[in-house]
Each structure stands twice: as structure tokens, then as C-alpha cells.
Amino acid sequence: MQSPHDTLFRFTFCHAVHAASWLRRIAPGRVRRAIDWATLVPANERLPGPRLRPHFADLVFAADRRSGGRPILLLVEHKSRFEAGLERQLLRYAVLLQHGWRQRDDVVPEVLGFVLLHGERGAPGSQAAQPRNPSPTDVPAAFERWRELLAAVDRTEAPPHTPPLGRDAVEAIGWYALAVTDVTPEALSDTFARILHRPEDTIMSTLERTYQQGKNEGKAEGKAEGRAEALLRLLHKRFGPVDPASETRVRRATIADLDRWTDRVLDAATLAGVLAD
């Protein structure tokens, strides 16, 4: 079950045109100049693991080199905090990506890893400081500071077969604000109406709908998150420390998967046996 942070991350960066804009800004100059950004396309995020156990990267893109030669894969992971073992996770995903491409296309691509960290980074192995939860009055003030950017997003019209822009993007931003803060739909709609110069009733109806959707999704997410935590405790008690890839798989699982795996904990001989498809 995706968190609201993951949902907004994927909404924004699963499209190559948005990902390219961000990646070009953060990539080292040598890397930025080597990639033909016009060729950037999404690649398969399902990674073939040992014993047919799949792993899932957050986002993977493929691109050509400007000078030709083997392709480049850009592996993007989204994290709310720095996690011990992150480097090993990226390395394992890179190896699986290269193995899959070699089997399918008889070519070994170069893999570059990127991490989008939306929390505060702590020292390796330490707990990162939790971001301060903004108060209901902080949120409208923040959008007022970003008013020019929000208005520019709202005015952008998306041609057919392009990433969501304009009002669709504003709706996603409003949903995210309602999902992760305590701002009310009324306060947010009033702020958006002032910034976007659109009728408040139109904005309000959209925000009320997304607010209710967020509440429903939050209930389902909380239910899945609780079951995932319980299952991880059982797995740790039965098999010892759970590797990062398996933990990620459990945390992203559906309630049906979590129920099925929980039923196997006592009978399966190995962790792989519990999480088998």
C-alpha cells in the first residue's frame, strides 16, 4: 500500500519528461552530458530475483548515450528517511537490472542510482529526525509563498498523451496537502481560490472529493500498515533479521498478500517460502 508521499512521487516522476527535468538538475556534469535525455523512457521496474522472487524498484528509466555504446539505466529510489543498507539495496537492484538486460538483450547497461529523500538525512545507521508536522495555518502560508509556481502549474495545458498538468496536477497537490497535514478543505480551497483566481466552489468540490478519497485510502493504508508491521515482527522472530528487499516487499503488499503470508509463517521452512508467489 503506497503512502501519500509515494503516491505524489510516482504521480510526478513516473513520466519521463518530469523525471528528465529533475535528473538533469541533480546529475553530475559528466553524467548529464553523456546522456541523450530525449531518449529517456520508463523501463520495467520488476527485477528478476533468485528463485524467481521478484524485486521492485521504485522507478527505472533507460536512455541512450550521446556517443553511442551500451545504454544507461537510471534507477530512482524514493525514501522518507536515510536507511542503513540503502547502498547495498541499490547495488543489488543494479546487479539484477544488468542480469535481466543481459539475458533479454545480450547487453550489459551501465546503471546509475539516484535517491529522492523527502525527510532529513541522518548519519548512516542512525535514526533521521522526523520532519515537523506543519500546523493547519502553516499550510496556506506555504502555498502563498509558492503562489507563482502553483499558478503556473494551474495554467499549463497538457496535450493528449502527456503527463498530467494543469488542474489535474493542482488536484493531486491539494490531495497530498490534505492527506499529510491537518489543514481543512475549507482553508485550502480559500487559499487556492485566491492564488488561482478560480471560483472557490469549483475548487472546494474538488478538494472535498479528494479529502474524502484521502480519508478512505488512509483507513485502508493504516490497516495494511498495521498488518505489515505485525508480519515483519513475526518474520523476525521466526527467521531472524529480514533483508531490506523482503521488508520493502512486505510494506508494499496488499492486504490479501499480507493475510496469505501471515498464514504461512508457522508452516514455511524459510523466509522465501513465506513470501513465495
Protein backbone atom coordinates (compact mmCIF):
# COMPACT_ATOMS: atom_id res chain seq x y z
CA MET A 1 0.00 0.00 0.00
CA GLN A 2 1.57 3.28 -1.06
CA SER A 3 1.90 6.19 1.34
CA PRO A 4 0.71 9.66 0.23
CA HIS A 5 4.38 10.59 -0.24
CA ASP A 6 4.90 7.62 -2.57
CA THR A 7 1.71 8.44 -4.47
CA LEU A 8 2.77 12.04 -5.16
CA PHE A 9 6.30 10.90 -6.03
CA ARG A 10 5.03 8.45 -8.64
CA PHE A 11 2.41 10.90 -9.95
CA THR A 12 5.18 13.40 -10.62
CA PHE A 13 8.20 11.37 -11.65
CA CYS A 14 6.85 8.25 -13.36
CA HIS A 15 6.68 10.35 -16.54
CA ALA A 16 9.99 10.57 -18.37
CA VAL A 17 9.59 14.26 -19.19
CA HIS A 18 9.26 15.17 -15.50
CA ALA A 19 11.96 12.75 -14.38
CA ALA A 20 14.37 14.08 -17.01
CA SER A 21 13.86 17.66 -15.81
CA TRP A 22 14.73 16.69 -12.23
CA LEU A 23 17.54 14.22 -13.01
CA ARG A 24 19.31 16.65 -15.32
CA ARG A 25 19.49 19.17 -12.50
CA ILE A 26 20.98 16.82 -9.91
CA ALA A 27 23.21 14.62 -12.08
CA PRO A 28 26.96 15.39 -12.10
CA GLY A 29 28.05 17.35 -15.18
CA ARG A 30 29.87 14.41 -16.77
CA VAL A 31 26.80 12.21 -16.41
CA ARG A 32 24.43 14.94 -17.59
CA ARG A 33 26.46 15.50 -20.76
CA ALA A 34 26.78 11.78 -21.51
CA ILE A 35 23.03 11.06 -21.62
CA ASP A 36 20.78 11.77 -24.59
CA TRP A 37 17.84 12.99 -22.50
CA ALA A 38 15.46 12.99 -25.46
CA THR A 39 15.65 9.18 -25.48
CA LEU A 40 14.72 8.74 -21.80
CA VAL A 41 11.85 6.24 -21.41
CA PRO A 42 10.41 4.25 -18.48
CA ALA A 43 11.83 0.76 -18.09
CA ASN A 44 10.49 -2.30 -16.30
CA GLU A 45 10.58 -1.84 -12.52
CA ARG A 46 10.14 -5.58 -11.85
CA LEU A 47 13.55 -7.11 -11.22
CA PRO A 48 14.07 -10.87 -11.55
CA GLY A 49 15.50 -12.16 -8.30
CA PRO A 50 16.92 -15.55 -7.32
CA ARG A 51 14.46 -18.43 -7.10
CA LEU A 52 12.03 -16.37 -9.22
CA ARG A 53 11.41 -13.98 -6.32
CA PRO A 54 10.71 -10.59 -7.90
CA HIS A 55 12.06 -7.33 -6.55
CA PHE A 56 10.53 -3.97 -7.39
CA ALA A 57 12.47 -0.77 -7.85
CA ASP A 58 10.60 2.49 -7.35
CA LEU A 59 11.37 3.84 -10.84
CA VAL A 60 13.70 2.79 -13.64
CA PHE A 61 14.41 4.71 -16.85
CA ALA A 62 16.52 3.80 -19.88
CA ALA A 63 18.38 6.23 -22.11
CA ASP A 64 20.95 6.21 -24.90
CA ARG A 65 24.41 7.69 -24.68
CA ARG A 66 25.15 10.69 -26.85
CA SER A 67 28.29 8.93 -28.07
CA GLY A 68 26.60 5.58 -28.68
CA GLY A 69 27.50 2.33 -26.98
CA ARG A 70 25.72 0.43 -24.25
CA PRO A 71 22.58 2.01 -22.83
CA ILE A 72 22.29 3.72 -19.46
CA LEU A 73 19.71 2.79 -16.83
CA LEU A 74 18.69 5.33 -14.20
CA LEU A 75 17.48 3.67 -11.00
CA VAL A 76 15.45 6.04 -8.79
CA GLU A 77 14.52 5.19 -5.20
CA HIS A 78 12.23 7.32 -3.02
CA LYS A 79 12.81 7.28 0.74
CA SER A 80 11.25 9.16 3.64
CA ARG A 81 14.49 8.82 5.65
CA PHE A 82 18.01 7.55 5.25
CA GLU A 83 18.11 3.78 5.82
CA ALA A 84 21.06 1.64 6.79
CA GLY A 85 21.77 -0.74 3.93
CA LEU A 86 20.49 1.66 1.25
CA GLU A 87 23.72 1.40 -0.72
CA ARG A 88 23.52 -2.41 -0.67
CA GLN A 89 19.90 -2.26 -1.82
CA LEU A 90 20.82 -0.05 -4.79
CA LEU A 91 23.77 -2.28 -5.66
CA ARG A 92 21.58 -5.39 -5.54
CA TYR A 93 18.98 -3.76 -7.79
CA ALA A 94 21.72 -2.67 -10.21
CA VAL A 95 23.03 -6.22 -10.45
CA LEU A 96 19.52 -7.58 -11.06
CA LEU A 97 18.88 -4.96 -13.75
CA GLN A 98 22.11 -5.80 -15.56
CA HIS A 99 21.40 -9.52 -15.30
CA GLY A 100 17.89 -9.10 -16.76
CA TRP A 101 19.11 -6.97 -19.67
CA ARG A 102 21.96 -9.35 -20.42
CA GLN A 103 19.55 -12.28 -20.58
CA ARG A 104 16.98 -10.43 -22.69
CA ASP A 105 19.06 -8.19 -24.96
CA ASP A 106 22.58 -9.62 -24.62
CA VAL A 107 23.85 -6.24 -23.42
CA VAL A 108 25.04 -5.07 -20.00
CA PRO A 109 23.84 -1.49 -19.39
CA GLU A 110 25.51 0.97 -17.08
CA VAL A 111 23.31 1.62 -14.05
CA LEU A 112 23.20 4.95 -12.22
CA GLY A 113 21.42 5.21 -8.89
CA PHE A 114 19.52 8.25 -7.60
CA VAL A 115 17.72 8.67 -4.27
CA LEU A 116 14.99 11.22 -3.58
CA LEU A 117 14.95 11.73 0.19
CA HIS A 118 11.99 13.82 1.36
CA GLY A 119 12.92 13.68 5.06
CA GLU A 120 16.04 14.79 6.85
CA ARG A 121 19.18 12.76 6.31
CA GLY A 122 20.93 11.47 9.41
CA ALA A 123 24.25 9.72 9.70
CA PRO A 124 24.43 6.20 8.25
CA GLY A 125 22.90 3.78 10.71
CA SER A 126 21.20 6.50 12.75
CA GLN A 127 17.57 7.48 13.01
CA ALA A 128 16.79 10.52 10.90
CA ALA A 129 14.99 13.37 12.60
CA GLN A 130 11.29 13.28 11.86
CA PRO A 131 10.09 16.29 9.84
CA ARG A 132 7.95 18.73 11.85
CA ASN A 133 4.29 18.27 11.09
CA PRO A 134 3.07 21.65 9.81
CA SER A 135 0.18 23.27 11.64
CA PRO A 136 -3.09 24.00 9.79
CA THR A 137 -2.03 27.65 9.47
CA ASP A 138 1.41 26.76 8.11
CA VAL A 139 -0.02 25.08 5.01
CA PRO A 140 -1.91 28.05 3.49
CA ALA A 141 1.11 30.25 4.28
CA ALA A 142 3.38 27.84 2.44
CA PHE A 143 1.16 27.87 -0.66
CA GLU A 144 1.12 31.66 -0.52
CA ARG A 145 4.92 31.60 -0.72
CA TRP A 146 4.69 29.25 -3.73
CA ARG A 147 1.79 31.13 -5.34
CA GLU A 148 3.62 31.90 -8.61
CA LEU A 149 4.65 28.26 -9.06
CA LEU A 150 1.17 26.94 -8.21
CA ALA A 151 -0.47 29.41 -10.61
CA ALA A 152 1.97 28.44 -13.39
CA VAL A 153 1.15 24.76 -12.88
CA ASP A 154 -2.59 25.51 -12.98
CA ARG A 155 -2.29 27.44 -16.26
CA THR A 156 -0.33 24.72 -18.06
CA GLU A 157 -2.44 22.79 -20.55
CA ALA A 158 -1.45 19.19 -21.20
CA PRO A 159 -1.71 17.95 -24.78
CA PRO A 160 -3.09 14.43 -25.28
CA HIS A 161 -0.81 11.55 -24.24
CA THR A 162 1.37 13.71 -22.00
CA PRO A 163 1.80 13.71 -18.21
CA PRO A 164 -1.00 15.24 -16.12
CA LEU A 165 -0.65 19.00 -15.86
CA GLY A 166 -2.87 21.97 -15.08
CA ARG A 167 -5.89 21.28 -12.90
CA ASP A 168 -5.08 17.57 -12.63
CA ALA A 169 -1.73 18.42 -11.08
CA VAL A 170 -3.27 21.01 -8.74
CA GLU A 171 -5.83 18.43 -7.64
CA ALA A 172 -3.01 15.98 -6.82
CA ILE A 173 -1.17 18.67 -4.84
CA GLY A 174 -4.34 19.52 -2.92
CA TRP A 175 -4.98 15.83 -2.17
CA TYR A 176 -1.43 15.46 -0.87
CA ALA A 177 -1.73 18.50 1.42
CA LEU A 178 -4.98 17.16 2.86
CA ALA A 179 -3.56 13.66 3.27
CA VAL A 180 -0.37 14.56 5.16
CA THR A 181 -1.35 17.67 7.14
CA ASP A 182 -4.25 18.82 9.34
CA VAL A 183 -5.28 21.68 7.05
CA THR A 184 -9.04 21.74 6.40
CA PRO A 185 -10.55 21.55 2.91
CA GLU A 186 -12.18 24.96 3.56
CA ALA A 187 -8.89 26.70 4.40
CA LEU A 188 -7.09 25.08 1.47
CA SER A 189 -9.86 25.90 -1.03
CA ASP A 190 -9.90 29.53 0.10
CA THR A 191 -6.12 29.73 -0.37
CA PHE A 192 -6.24 28.09 -3.81
CA ALA A 193 -9.10 30.39 -4.91
CA ARG A 194 -7.06 33.49 -4.04
CA ILE A 195 -3.94 32.19 -5.79
CA LEU A 196 -5.55 30.63 -8.87
CA HIS A 197 -8.34 33.19 -9.42
CA ARG A 198 -10.83 30.39 -9.90
CA PRO A 199 -14.30 30.12 -8.32
CA GLU A 200 -13.94 28.82 -4.79
CA ASP A 201 -16.93 26.49 -5.13
CA THR A 202 -15.24 24.64 -8.02
CA ILE A 203 -12.03 24.20 -6.06
CA MET A 204 -13.94 23.28 -2.91
CA SER A 205 -15.89 20.50 -4.62
CA THR A 206 -12.64 19.01 -5.92
CA LEU A 207 -10.91 19.25 -2.55
CA GLU A 208 -13.89 17.78 -0.70
CA ARG A 209 -13.87 14.83 -3.08
CA THR A 210 -10.12 14.30 -2.75
CA TYR A 211 -10.34 14.80 1.02
CA GLN A 212 -12.91 12.02 1.34
CA GLN A 213 -10.87 9.85 -1.01
CA GLY A 214 -7.80 10.52 1.13
CA LYS A 215 -9.67 9.55 4.31
CA ASN A 216 -10.81 6.28 2.74
CA GLU A 217 -7.36 5.50 1.40
CA GLY A 218 -5.83 6.45 4.74
CA LYS A 219 -8.03 3.93 6.55
CA ALA A 220 -7.02 1.19 4.10
CA GLU A 221 -3.37 2.25 4.30
CA GLY A 222 -3.42 2.21 8.09
CA LYS A 223 -4.96 -1.25 8.10
CA ALA A 224 -2.33 -2.60 5.68
CA GLU A 225 0.50 -0.83 7.51
CA GLY A 226 -0.52 -2.39 10.81
CA ARG A 227 -0.65 -5.87 9.29
CA ALA A 228 2.72 -5.34 7.60
CA GLU A 229 4.33 -4.35 10.90
CA ALA A 230 2.85 -7.38 12.64
CA LEU A 231 4.05 -9.71 9.88
CA LEU A 232 7.56 -8.24 9.96
CA ARG A 233 7.75 -8.87 13.70
CA LEU A 234 6.67 -12.49 13.19
CA LEU A 235 9.19 -12.98 10.38
CA HIS A 236 12.00 -11.53 12.50
CA LYS A 237 11.09 -13.77 15.43
CA ARG A 238 10.89 -16.88 13.21
CA PHE A 239 13.77 -16.34 10.76
CA GLY A 240 15.94 -13.57 12.21
CA PRO A 241 16.63 -10.14 10.63
CA VAL A 242 14.59 -9.50 7.48
CA ASP A 243 16.62 -8.30 4.49
CA PRO A 244 15.74 -4.82 3.08
CA ALA A 245 14.26 -6.17 -0.16
CA SER A 246 11.87 -8.50 1.69
CA GLU A 247 10.91 -5.75 4.13
CA THR A 248 10.12 -3.41 1.24
CA ARG A 249 8.03 -6.12 -0.42
CA VAL A 250 6.03 -6.67 2.78
CA ARG A 251 5.43 -2.96 3.29
CA ARG A 252 4.16 -2.57 -0.29
CA ALA A 253 1.95 -5.66 -0.22
CA THR A 254 -1.81 -5.72 -0.46
CA ILE A 255 -3.93 -6.82 2.48
CA ALA A 256 -4.68 -10.08 0.65
CA ASP A 257 -0.96 -10.82 0.26
CA LEU A 258 -0.28 -9.95 3.91
CA ASP A 259 -3.04 -12.29 5.06
CA ARG A 260 -1.73 -15.11 2.85
CA TRP A 261 1.85 -14.71 4.06
CA THR A 262 0.81 -14.48 7.70
CA ASP A 263 -0.98 -17.81 7.36
CA ARG A 264 2.30 -19.36 6.17
CA VAL A 265 4.59 -18.11 8.94
CA LEU A 266 4.24 -21.14 11.19
CA ASP A 267 4.48 -23.77 8.44
CA ALA A 268 7.06 -22.39 5.98
CA ALA A 269 10.65 -23.52 6.47
CA THR A 270 12.24 -20.32 5.16
CA LEU A 271 11.50 -16.63 4.68
CA ALA A 272 11.41 -17.23 0.92
CA GLY A 273 8.77 -19.88 1.50
CA VAL A 274 6.56 -17.42 3.34
CA LEU A 275 6.81 -14.77 0.61
CA ALA A 276 6.58 -17.13 -2.37
CA ASP A 277 4.05 -16.08 -5.03
